[in-house]
Amino acid sequence: MFDGPEGYELADWRRQMNDIYAHIREVDDPWHGWCHWHNARSDLYRHHPMSPLADGKRQRLKQIPVFPYDPDLRFEVALIPARHPTQKADLGGDGALSYTGFATTSGLAGALGAELTVYWIEGYGGGLFIPFGDATNGTETYGGGRYIVDAIKGSDFGPGPSNGLILDFNFAYNPSCALNEAYICPLSPPENKLPNPVRGGEQLFRNL
């Protein structure tokens, strides 16, 4: 496993995460992509020096806890332009993060009970950011919600056959602060709380 100065270790962590999502976008079978995502992320969380898990917990982790893959949680959504207030998060030593809602999804409400706001990360480079909450938060999943798209983390499924945005909730994952109190993360805004349970993606990390 990669070993080097901390700054370069973080660069390697991001590079490997980007490679995981690049593979997901390349394969034709979403389930195959999900298996790769689960296994590769579990390996990184166990062994990479930038894993958000503390050393002792890394040793006890066998696989990241996830719900079984559900093909009904994969959507291709249209984006409807909509201006939302800018959200700001104080990330402690990492500074402040601002992200502004610029669109609303169209295509989720029938299955999940509501649509989601799509945010643009402000600042150099920018990128998409979609945090969300749902009815499993605090019992089966992290209470502060999860992420599905985050340009900073490389999580992006690309466009679908109709050029809409692919959102596959089987790949929903916990922010780092769910795993380690040393991290401060932007949590899902109330406007992105789905009323229905989303039993896909990462679950709570228990017994570590």
C-alpha atoms as a PDB file:
ATOM      1  CA  MET A   1       0.000   0.000   0.000  1.00  0.00           C
ATOM      2  CA  PHE A   2       1.139   3.544  -0.752  1.00  0.00           C
ATOM      3  CA  ASP A   3       3.307   5.216   1.874  1.00  0.00           C
ATOM      4  CA  GLY A   4       4.723   8.740   1.762  1.00  0.00           C
ATOM      5  CA  PRO A   5       4.387  12.286   3.173  1.00  0.00           C
ATOM      6  CA  GLU A   6       0.880  13.023   4.481  1.00  0.00           C
ATOM      7  CA  GLY A   7       0.063  15.527   1.743  1.00  0.00           C
ATOM      8  CA  TYR A   8       0.960  13.040  -0.937  1.00  0.00           C
ATOM      9  CA  GLU A   9      -0.860  10.257   0.913  1.00  0.00           C
ATOM     10  CA  LEU A  10      -4.044  12.328   0.605  1.00  0.00           C
ATOM     11  CA  ALA A  11      -3.366  12.839  -3.102  1.00  0.00           C
ATOM     12  CA  ASP A  12      -3.004   9.073  -3.489  1.00  0.00           C
ATOM     13  CA  TRP A  13      -6.245   8.470  -1.552  1.00  0.00           C
ATOM     14  CA  ARG A  14      -8.124  10.811  -3.873  1.00  0.00           C
ATOM     15  CA  ARG A  15      -6.495   9.295  -6.934  1.00  0.00           C
ATOM     16  CA  GLN A  16      -7.570   5.806  -5.942  1.00  0.00           C
ATOM     17  CA  MET A  17     -11.103   6.960  -5.152  1.00  0.00           C
ATOM     18  CA  ASN A  18     -11.313   8.644  -8.554  1.00  0.00           C
ATOM     19  CA  ASP A  19     -10.112   5.415 -10.166  1.00  0.00           C
ATOM     20  CA  ILE A  20     -12.894   3.470  -8.438  1.00  0.00           C
ATOM     21  CA  TYR A  21     -15.581   5.750  -9.858  1.00  0.00           C
ATOM     22  CA  ALA A  22     -13.925   5.809 -13.281  1.00  0.00           C
ATOM     23  CA  HIS A  23     -14.258   2.010 -13.317  1.00  0.00           C
ATOM     24  CA  ILE A  24     -17.927   2.275 -12.281  1.00  0.00           C
ATOM     25  CA  ARG A  25     -18.630   4.594 -15.222  1.00  0.00           C
ATOM     26  CA  GLU A  26     -16.840   2.277 -17.663  1.00  0.00           C
ATOM     27  CA  VAL A  27     -18.611  -1.005 -16.888  1.00  0.00           C
ATOM     28  CA  ASP A  28     -21.960  -1.914 -18.422  1.00  0.00           C
ATOM     29  CA  ASP A  29     -23.271  -3.833 -15.404  1.00  0.00           C
ATOM     30  CA  PRO A  30     -24.058  -1.569 -12.404  1.00  0.00           C
ATOM     31  CA  TRP A  31     -23.933  -4.544 -10.039  1.00  0.00           C
ATOM     32  CA  HIS A  32     -20.397  -5.366 -11.189  1.00  0.00           C
ATOM     33  CA  GLY A  33     -19.438  -1.729 -10.591  1.00  0.00           C
ATOM     34  CA  TRP A  34     -21.021  -1.858  -7.144  1.00  0.00           C
ATOM     35  CA  CYS A  35     -19.078  -5.020  -6.198  1.00  0.00           C
ATOM     36  CA  HIS A  36     -15.849  -3.327  -7.265  1.00  0.00           C
ATOM     37  CA  TRP A  37     -16.788  -0.182  -5.313  1.00  0.00           C
ATOM     38  CA  HIS A  38     -17.542  -2.177  -2.157  1.00  0.00           C
ATOM     39  CA  ASN A  39     -14.420  -4.332  -2.288  1.00  0.00           C
ATOM     40  CA  ALA A  40     -12.002  -1.555  -3.309  1.00  0.00           C
ATOM     41  CA  ARG A  41     -13.302   0.924  -0.718  1.00  0.00           C
ATOM     42  CA  SER A  42     -13.219  -1.740   1.992  1.00  0.00           C
ATOM     43  CA  ASP A  43      -9.580  -2.436   1.131  1.00  0.00           C
ATOM     44  CA  LEU A  44      -8.703   1.269   1.272  1.00  0.00           C
ATOM     45  CA  TYR A  45     -10.480   1.713   4.602  1.00  0.00           C
ATOM     46  CA  ARG A  46      -8.564  -1.236   6.041  1.00  0.00           C
ATOM     47  CA  HIS A  47      -5.090  -0.402   4.747  1.00  0.00           C
ATOM     48  CA  HIS A  48      -4.615   3.131   3.398  1.00  0.00           C
ATOM     49  CA  PRO A  49      -2.883   5.615   5.751  1.00  0.00           C
ATOM     50  CA  MET A  50      -5.571   8.228   4.943  1.00  0.00           C
ATOM     51  CA  SER A  51      -8.444   5.957   5.949  1.00  0.00           C
ATOM     52  CA  PRO A  52     -10.888   7.876   8.174  1.00  0.00           C
ATOM     53  CA  LEU A  53     -10.964   4.858  10.498  1.00  0.00           C
ATOM     54  CA  ALA A  54      -8.610   4.918  13.464  1.00  0.00           C
ATOM     55  CA  ASP A  55      -5.874   2.276  13.416  1.00  0.00           C
ATOM     56  CA  GLY A  56      -7.592  -0.113  15.824  1.00  0.00           C
ATOM     57  CA  LYS A  57     -10.848   0.010  13.909  1.00  0.00           C
ATOM     58  CA  ARG A  58      -9.071  -0.604  10.602  1.00  0.00           C
ATOM     59  CA  GLN A  59      -7.771  -3.873  11.961  1.00  0.00           C
ATOM     60  CA  ARG A  60     -11.263  -4.997  12.969  1.00  0.00           C
ATOM     61  CA  LEU A  61     -12.971  -4.031   9.700  1.00  0.00           C
ATOM     62  CA  LYS A  62     -13.602  -6.921   7.332  1.00  0.00           C
ATOM     63  CA  GLN A  63     -15.946  -5.226   4.856  1.00  0.00           C
ATOM     64  CA  ILE A  64     -17.732  -1.880   4.873  1.00  0.00           C
ATOM     65  CA  PRO A  65     -21.315  -2.616   6.010  1.00  0.00           C
ATOM     66  CA  VAL A  66     -23.720  -2.096   3.103  1.00  0.00           C
ATOM     67  CA  PHE A  67     -27.267  -2.932   2.122  1.00  0.00           C
ATOM     68  CA  PRO A  68     -27.672  -5.558  -0.629  1.00  0.00           C
ATOM     69  CA  TYR A  69     -27.644  -4.100  -4.139  1.00  0.00           C
ATOM     70  CA  ASP A  70     -31.131  -3.026  -5.246  1.00  0.00           C
ATOM     71  CA  PRO A  71     -31.516  -2.187  -8.967  1.00  0.00           C
ATOM     72  CA  ASP A  72     -34.632  -0.145  -8.161  1.00  0.00           C
ATOM     73  CA  LEU A  73     -32.432   2.425  -6.405  1.00  0.00           C
ATOM     74  CA  ARG A  74     -30.695   3.414  -9.653  1.00  0.00           C
ATOM     75  CA  PHE A  75     -32.215   6.445 -11.409  1.00  0.00           C
ATOM     76  CA  GLU A  76     -31.547   8.695 -14.350  1.00  0.00           C
ATOM     77  CA  VAL A  77     -32.870  12.134 -13.409  1.00  0.00           C
ATOM     78  CA  ALA A  78     -33.413  15.376 -15.256  1.00  0.00           C
ATOM     79  CA  LEU A  79     -32.168  18.593 -13.661  1.00  0.00           C
ATOM     80  CA  ILE A  80     -34.605  21.486 -13.366  1.00  0.00           C
ATOM     81  CA  PRO A  81     -32.925  24.888 -12.883  1.00  0.00           C
ATOM     82  CA  ALA A  82     -33.753  26.256  -9.434  1.00  0.00           C
ATOM     83  CA  ARG A  83     -31.924  28.748  -7.268  1.00  0.00           C
ATOM     84  CA  HIS A  84     -31.446  27.793  -3.624  1.00  0.00           C
ATOM     85  CA  PRO A  85     -29.671  29.659  -0.811  1.00  0.00           C
ATOM     86  CA  THR A  86     -25.951  29.093  -0.395  1.00  0.00           C
ATOM     87  CA  GLN A  87     -25.069  26.642   2.359  1.00  0.00           C
ATOM     88  CA  LYS A  88     -21.926  27.197   4.407  1.00  0.00           C
ATOM     89  CA  ALA A  89     -20.078  24.667   6.514  1.00  0.00           C
ATOM     90  CA  ASP A  90     -17.213  25.333   8.918  1.00  0.00           C
ATOM     91  CA  LEU A  91     -14.760  22.463   8.435  1.00  0.00           C
ATOM     92  CA  GLY A  92     -12.411  23.441  11.232  1.00  0.00           C
ATOM     93  CA  GLY A  93      -8.779  23.252  10.151  1.00  0.00           C
ATOM     94  CA  ASP A  94      -9.869  22.681   6.548  1.00  0.00           C
ATOM     95  CA  GLY A  95     -11.531  26.108   6.406  1.00  0.00           C
ATOM     96  CA  ALA A  96     -15.045  26.842   5.180  1.00  0.00           C
ATOM     97  CA  LEU A  97     -17.037  25.207   2.413  1.00  0.00           C
ATOM     98  CA  SER A  98     -19.789  26.984   0.497  1.00  0.00           C
ATOM     99  CA  TYR A  99     -22.158  25.241  -1.877  1.00  0.00           C
ATOM    100  CA  THR A 100     -25.150  26.666  -3.729  1.00  0.00           C
ATOM    101  CA  GLY A 101     -28.219  24.805  -4.979  1.00  0.00           C
ATOM    102  CA  PHE A 102     -28.595  25.411  -8.696  1.00  0.00           C
ATOM    103  CA  ALA A 103     -31.014  22.647  -9.746  1.00  0.00           C
ATOM    104  CA  THR A 104     -33.649  20.215  -8.527  1.00  0.00           C
ATOM    105  CA  THR A 105     -33.837  16.620  -9.660  1.00  0.00           C
ATOM    106  CA  SER A 106     -36.844  15.289 -11.553  1.00  0.00           C
ATOM    107  CA  GLY A 107     -37.420  11.559 -11.361  1.00  0.00           C
ATOM    108  CA  LEU A 108     -37.001  10.559  -7.704  1.00  0.00           C
ATOM    109  CA  ALA A 109     -40.270  11.543  -6.034  1.00  0.00           C
ATOM    110  CA  GLY A 110     -42.288   8.544  -7.198  1.00  0.00           C
ATOM    111  CA  ALA A 111     -39.938   6.074  -5.527  1.00  0.00           C
ATOM    112  CA  LEU A 112     -38.307   8.102  -2.752  1.00  0.00           C
ATOM    113  CA  GLY A 113     -41.054  10.561  -1.833  1.00  0.00           C
ATOM    114  CA  ALA A 114     -39.315  13.797  -2.857  1.00  0.00           C
ATOM    115  CA  GLU A 115     -36.731  15.343  -5.156  1.00  0.00           C
ATOM    116  CA  LEU A 116     -33.249  16.504  -4.194  1.00  0.00           C
ATOM    117  CA  THR A 117     -31.434  19.805  -4.522  1.00  0.00           C
ATOM    118  CA  VAL A 118     -28.238  19.580  -6.568  1.00  0.00           C
ATOM    119  CA  TYR A 119     -25.463  21.824  -5.267  1.00  0.00           C
ATOM    120  CA  TRP A 120     -22.432  23.417  -6.865  1.00  0.00           C
ATOM    121  CA  ILE A 121     -19.332  23.649  -4.681  1.00  0.00           C
ATOM    122  CA  GLU A 122     -18.111  27.229  -4.729  1.00  0.00           C
ATOM    123  CA  GLY A 123     -14.445  28.123  -5.074  1.00  0.00           C
ATOM    124  CA  TYR A 124     -11.608  26.937  -7.260  1.00  0.00           C
ATOM    125  CA  GLY A 125     -12.590  24.031  -9.507  1.00  0.00           C
ATOM    126  CA  GLY A 126     -16.100  23.693  -8.107  1.00  0.00           C
ATOM    127  CA  GLY A 127     -18.118  20.571  -8.797  1.00  0.00           C
ATOM    128  CA  LEU A 128     -21.374  18.797  -8.008  1.00  0.00           C
ATOM    129  CA  PHE A 129     -22.386  17.901  -4.472  1.00  0.00           C
ATOM    130  CA  ILE A 130     -25.507  15.934  -3.459  1.00  0.00           C
ATOM    131  CA  PRO A 131     -25.817  15.089   0.217  1.00  0.00           C
ATOM    132  CA  PHE A 132     -29.114  13.587   1.345  1.00  0.00           C
ATOM    133  CA  GLY A 133     -30.960  12.276   4.350  1.00  0.00           C
ATOM    134  CA  ASP A 134     -33.698   9.657   4.519  1.00  0.00           C
ATOM    135  CA  ALA A 135     -35.913   7.737   6.930  1.00  0.00           C
ATOM    136  CA  THR A 136     -33.114   5.293   7.864  1.00  0.00           C
ATOM    137  CA  ASN A 137     -30.893   8.004   9.392  1.00  0.00           C
ATOM    138  CA  GLY A 138     -30.033   7.386  13.021  1.00  0.00           C
ATOM    139  CA  THR A 139     -31.178   3.747  13.027  1.00  0.00           C
ATOM    140  CA  GLU A 140     -29.753   1.935  10.008  1.00  0.00           C
ATOM    141  CA  THR A 141     -27.583   4.712   8.580  1.00  0.00           C
ATOM    142  CA  TYR A 142     -25.652   7.711   9.886  1.00  0.00           C
ATOM    143  CA  GLY A 143     -27.875  10.294  11.563  1.00  0.00           C
ATOM    144  CA  GLY A 144     -26.365  13.222   9.652  1.00  0.00           C
ATOM    145  CA  GLY A 145     -27.181  11.760   6.245  1.00  0.00           C
ATOM    146  CA  ARG A 146     -24.996  10.423   3.469  1.00  0.00           C
ATOM    147  CA  TYR A 147     -23.439  11.547   0.184  1.00  0.00           C
ATOM    148  CA  ILE A 148     -24.166  10.211  -3.285  1.00  0.00           C
ATOM    149  CA  VAL A 149     -22.290  12.695  -5.510  1.00  0.00           C
ATOM    150  CA  ASP A 150     -19.294  14.735  -4.376  1.00  0.00           C
ATOM    151  CA  ALA A 151     -16.753  16.144  -6.824  1.00  0.00           C
ATOM    152  CA  ILE A 152     -14.189  16.536  -4.051  1.00  0.00           C
ATOM    153  CA  LYS A 153     -14.351  12.792  -3.348  1.00  0.00           C
ATOM    154  CA  GLY A 154     -14.551  11.847  -7.040  1.00  0.00           C
ATOM    155  CA  SER A 155     -17.986  10.248  -6.635  1.00  0.00           C
ATOM    156  CA  ASP A 156     -19.783  10.822  -9.926  1.00  0.00           C
ATOM    157  CA  PHE A 157     -21.720   8.353 -12.089  1.00  0.00           C
ATOM    158  CA  GLY A 158     -21.849  10.510 -15.196  1.00  0.00           C
ATOM    159  CA  PRO A 159     -24.746  10.909 -17.637  1.00  0.00           C
ATOM    160  CA  GLY A 160     -27.209   8.183 -18.547  1.00  0.00           C
ATOM    161  CA  PRO A 161     -28.466   7.030 -21.958  1.00  0.00           C
ATOM    162  CA  SER A 162     -30.855  10.008 -22.171  1.00  0.00           C
ATOM    163  CA  ASN A 163     -28.121  12.417 -21.011  1.00  0.00           C
ATOM    164  CA  GLY A 164     -29.691  12.800 -17.589  1.00  0.00           C
ATOM    165  CA  LEU A 165     -27.727  12.502 -14.364  1.00  0.00           C
ATOM    166  CA  ILE A 166     -27.292   8.972 -12.991  1.00  0.00           C
ATOM    167  CA  LEU A 167     -28.000   8.697  -9.257  1.00  0.00           C
ATOM    168  CA  ASP A 168     -27.463   5.187  -7.897  1.00  0.00           C
ATOM    169  CA  PHE A 169     -28.236   5.133  -4.188  1.00  0.00           C
ATOM    170  CA  ASN A 170     -26.568   1.744  -3.829  1.00  0.00           C
ATOM    171  CA  PHE A 171     -23.356   3.805  -3.765  1.00  0.00           C
ATOM    172  CA  ALA A 172     -24.474   6.190  -0.996  1.00  0.00           C
ATOM    173  CA  TYR A 173     -21.698   6.550   1.563  1.00  0.00           C
ATOM    174  CA  ASN A 174     -21.020   8.041   4.976  1.00  0.00           C
ATOM    175  CA  PRO A 175     -19.151  11.305   5.413  1.00  0.00           C
ATOM    176  CA  SER A 176     -15.828  10.857   7.210  1.00  0.00           C
ATOM    177  CA  CYS A 177     -17.186  12.455  10.395  1.00  0.00           C
ATOM    178  CA  ALA A 178     -19.505   9.455  10.805  1.00  0.00           C
ATOM    179  CA  LEU A 179     -16.409   7.298  11.291  1.00  0.00           C
ATOM    180  CA  ASN A 180     -14.009   9.575  13.143  1.00  0.00           C
ATOM    181  CA  GLU A 181     -14.707  12.498  15.500  1.00  0.00           C
ATOM    182  CA  ALA A 182     -11.543  14.224  14.270  1.00  0.00           C
ATOM    183  CA  TYR A 183     -13.324  15.077  11.005  1.00  0.00           C
ATOM    184  CA  ILE A 184     -15.846  17.869  10.465  1.00  0.00           C
ATOM    185  CA  CYS A 185     -18.119  17.377   7.464  1.00  0.00           C
ATOM    186  CA  PRO A 186     -20.962  19.258   5.779  1.00  0.00           C
ATOM    187  CA  LEU A 187     -24.150  17.427   6.688  1.00  0.00           C
ATOM    188  CA  SER A 188     -27.242  17.100   4.537  1.00  0.00           C
ATOM    189  CA  PRO A 189     -29.444  20.225   4.624  1.00  0.00           C
ATOM    190  CA  PRO A 190     -33.077  19.761   5.753  1.00  0.00           C
ATOM    191  CA  GLU A 191     -34.305  20.436   2.199  1.00  0.00           C
ATOM    192  CA  ASN A 192     -32.582  17.228   1.071  1.00  0.00           C
ATOM    193  CA  LYS A 193     -34.262  14.927   3.600  1.00  0.00           C
ATOM    194  CA  LEU A 194     -36.179  12.206   1.751  1.00  0.00           C
ATOM    195  CA  PRO A 195     -39.302  10.983   3.594  1.00  0.00           C
ATOM    196  CA  ASN A 196     -38.892   7.378   2.450  1.00  0.00           C
ATOM    197  CA  PRO A 197     -36.205   4.934   3.609  1.00  0.00           C
ATOM    198  CA  VAL A 198     -33.282   4.459   1.214  1.00  0.00           C
ATOM    199  CA  ARG A 199     -31.906   1.014   1.978  1.00  0.00           C
ATOM    200  CA  GLY A 200     -28.946   1.154  -0.339  1.00  0.00           C
ATOM    201  CA  GLY A 201     -25.286   1.989   0.126  1.00  0.00           C
ATOM    202  CA  GLU A 202     -23.381   2.185   3.392  1.00  0.00           C
ATOM    203  CA  GLN A 203     -24.959   1.405   6.724  1.00  0.00           C
ATOM    204  CA  LEU A 204     -23.854   2.420  10.192  1.00  0.00           C
ATOM    205  CA  PHE A 205     -20.431   1.095  11.137  1.00  0.00           C
ATOM    206  CA  ARG A 206     -21.197  -0.998  14.211  1.00  0.00           C
ATOM    207  CA  ASN A 207     -19.004  -2.976  16.600  1.00  0.00           C
ATOM    208  CA  LEU A 208     -15.678  -1.485  15.523  1.00  0.00           C
END
